[in-house]
Protein backbone atom coordinates (compact mmCIF):
# COMPACT_ATOMS: atom_id res chain seq x y z
CA MET A 1 -21.12 -43.32 -32.07
CA LYS A 2 -19.63 -44.40 -28.73
CA THR A 3 -16.63 -42.19 -29.38
CA LEU A 4 -18.86 -39.22 -30.08
CA LEU A 5 -20.80 -39.79 -26.85
CA ALA A 6 -17.56 -40.12 -24.89
CA VAL A 7 -16.26 -36.83 -26.32
CA LEU A 8 -19.54 -35.08 -25.53
CA ALA A 9 -19.49 -36.43 -21.98
CA LEU A 10 -15.96 -35.12 -21.47
CA LEU A 11 -16.87 -31.71 -22.88
CA LEU A 12 -19.94 -31.45 -20.67
CA ALA A 13 -17.94 -32.52 -17.63
CA GLY A 14 -15.48 -29.70 -18.35
CA CYS A 15 -18.35 -27.21 -18.52
CA ALA A 16 -19.60 -28.29 -15.10
CA THR A 17 -16.31 -27.43 -13.40
CA PRO A 18 -16.69 -24.07 -11.63
CA PRO A 19 -14.04 -21.47 -12.35
CA PRO A 20 -11.47 -21.01 -9.61
CA SER A 21 -12.26 -18.39 -6.99
CA PRO A 22 -10.43 -15.13 -7.58
CA LYS A 23 -7.70 -14.10 -5.22
CA PRO A 24 -8.77 -11.43 -2.72
CA GLU A 25 -5.82 -9.30 -3.83
CA GLU A 26 -7.38 -9.07 -7.31
CA ALA A 27 -10.61 -7.75 -5.81
CA PHE A 28 -8.78 -5.28 -3.55
CA ARG A 29 -6.74 -3.97 -6.48
CA PHE A 30 -9.89 -3.74 -8.65
CA GLY A 31 -11.72 -1.66 -6.01
CA GLY A 32 -8.82 0.34 -4.59
CA ILE A 33 -9.24 -1.36 -1.21
CA SER A 34 -6.49 -1.39 1.38
CA MET A 35 -7.17 -4.08 3.96
CA PRO A 36 -5.80 -3.83 7.51
CA ALA A 37 -3.54 -6.65 8.64
CA SER A 38 -6.16 -7.66 11.24
CA GLY A 39 -8.62 -8.68 8.50
CA LYS A 40 -9.16 -12.26 7.39
CA VAL A 41 -10.86 -13.06 4.06
CA LEU A 42 -13.65 -15.62 4.33
CA GLU A 43 -14.90 -15.67 0.74
CA THR A 44 -14.24 -14.03 -2.63
CA GLN A 45 -16.58 -14.12 -5.63
CA HIS A 46 -16.25 -12.66 -9.12
CA ASP A 47 -18.85 -12.20 -11.85
CA ARG A 48 -17.98 -10.93 -15.29
CA GLY A 49 -20.27 -9.96 -18.12
CA ILE A 50 -20.47 -6.52 -19.65
CA ASP A 51 -19.40 -5.27 -16.21
CA SER A 52 -17.26 -6.85 -13.52
CA ARG A 53 -18.25 -7.44 -9.91
CA TYR A 54 -16.30 -8.70 -6.94
CA VAL A 55 -17.76 -9.61 -3.56
CA VAL A 56 -15.37 -10.12 -0.67
CA VAL A 57 -16.56 -11.24 2.75
CA LEU A 58 -14.09 -10.84 5.57
CA THR A 59 -13.88 -10.75 9.30
CA LEU A 60 -12.44 -7.62 10.85
CA PRO A 61 -12.48 -6.24 14.40
CA ALA A 62 -15.11 -3.47 14.59
CA GLU A 63 -12.48 -0.93 15.64
CA ASP A 64 -10.56 -1.57 12.40
CA VAL A 65 -13.46 -0.84 10.02
CA PRO A 66 -12.67 2.92 10.07
CA LYS A 67 -9.04 2.06 9.25
CA LEU A 68 -10.21 0.04 6.22
CA LEU A 69 -12.41 2.91 5.01
CA GLU A 70 -9.75 5.58 5.55
CA ALA A 71 -6.94 3.56 3.95
CA SER A 72 -9.24 2.84 0.97
CA ASN A 73 -9.95 6.58 0.53
CA PHE A 74 -13.63 6.61 1.49
CA ALA A 75 -14.82 10.01 2.66
CA PRO A 76 -15.29 10.24 6.45
CA GLY A 77 -18.52 8.52 7.51
CA VAL A 78 -19.18 7.14 4.01
CA MET A 79 -19.49 3.40 3.36
CA ASN A 80 -20.71 3.55 -0.26
CA ASP A 81 -19.03 5.49 -3.03
CA ASP A 82 -17.78 5.36 -6.56
CA ARG A 83 -14.34 6.33 -7.72
CA LEU A 84 -11.91 6.00 -10.57
CA VAL A 85 -9.55 3.07 -10.08
CA ASP A 86 -7.04 2.42 -12.86
CA GLY A 87 -9.15 4.41 -15.33
CA ARG A 88 -12.49 2.72 -14.65
CA ARG A 89 -15.37 3.87 -12.46
CA VAL A 90 -15.90 1.40 -9.62
CA VAL A 91 -18.88 1.46 -7.27
CA ARG A 92 -17.82 0.34 -3.78
CA LYS A 93 -20.30 -0.74 -1.11
CA VAL A 94 -19.33 -1.77 2.40
CA THR A 95 -21.76 -3.55 4.72
CA VAL A 96 -20.83 -4.34 8.33
CA ASP A 97 -22.61 -6.88 10.53
CA GLY A 98 -20.69 -7.28 13.78
CA THR A 99 -17.21 -8.39 12.78
CA THR A 100 -18.29 -9.53 9.30
CA VAL A 101 -17.61 -7.04 6.53
CA ARG A 102 -18.96 -7.45 3.00
CA LEU A 103 -17.35 -5.50 0.16
CA GLU A 104 -19.19 -5.28 -3.14
CA LEU A 105 -17.10 -3.75 -5.92
CA PHE A 106 -18.44 -3.35 -9.44
CA THR A 107 -18.21 -1.35 -12.62
CA THR A 108 -21.26 0.14 -14.32
């Protein structure tokens, strides 16, 4: 009985370990994002179920936001779009608050 409880405790402890954070490069590749060299990634999250979703929070000088959008093939003046990336439709949303930029990239 003690052995069974010990095994269950180990299994439950393994379930409590959060998965490693994805690399920002994975998210950028997933969403067809080309980040300027001046950007610095603060956080990357990934959810996967039927669809996949990445959220990347970065800091970027305000003058480089247009460079990010242009290099990532957003239409001029557009900060939300959807496009085919590697054969899948990806919705891309960009939110800017000062020098903090939030990218939300997901399939539907």
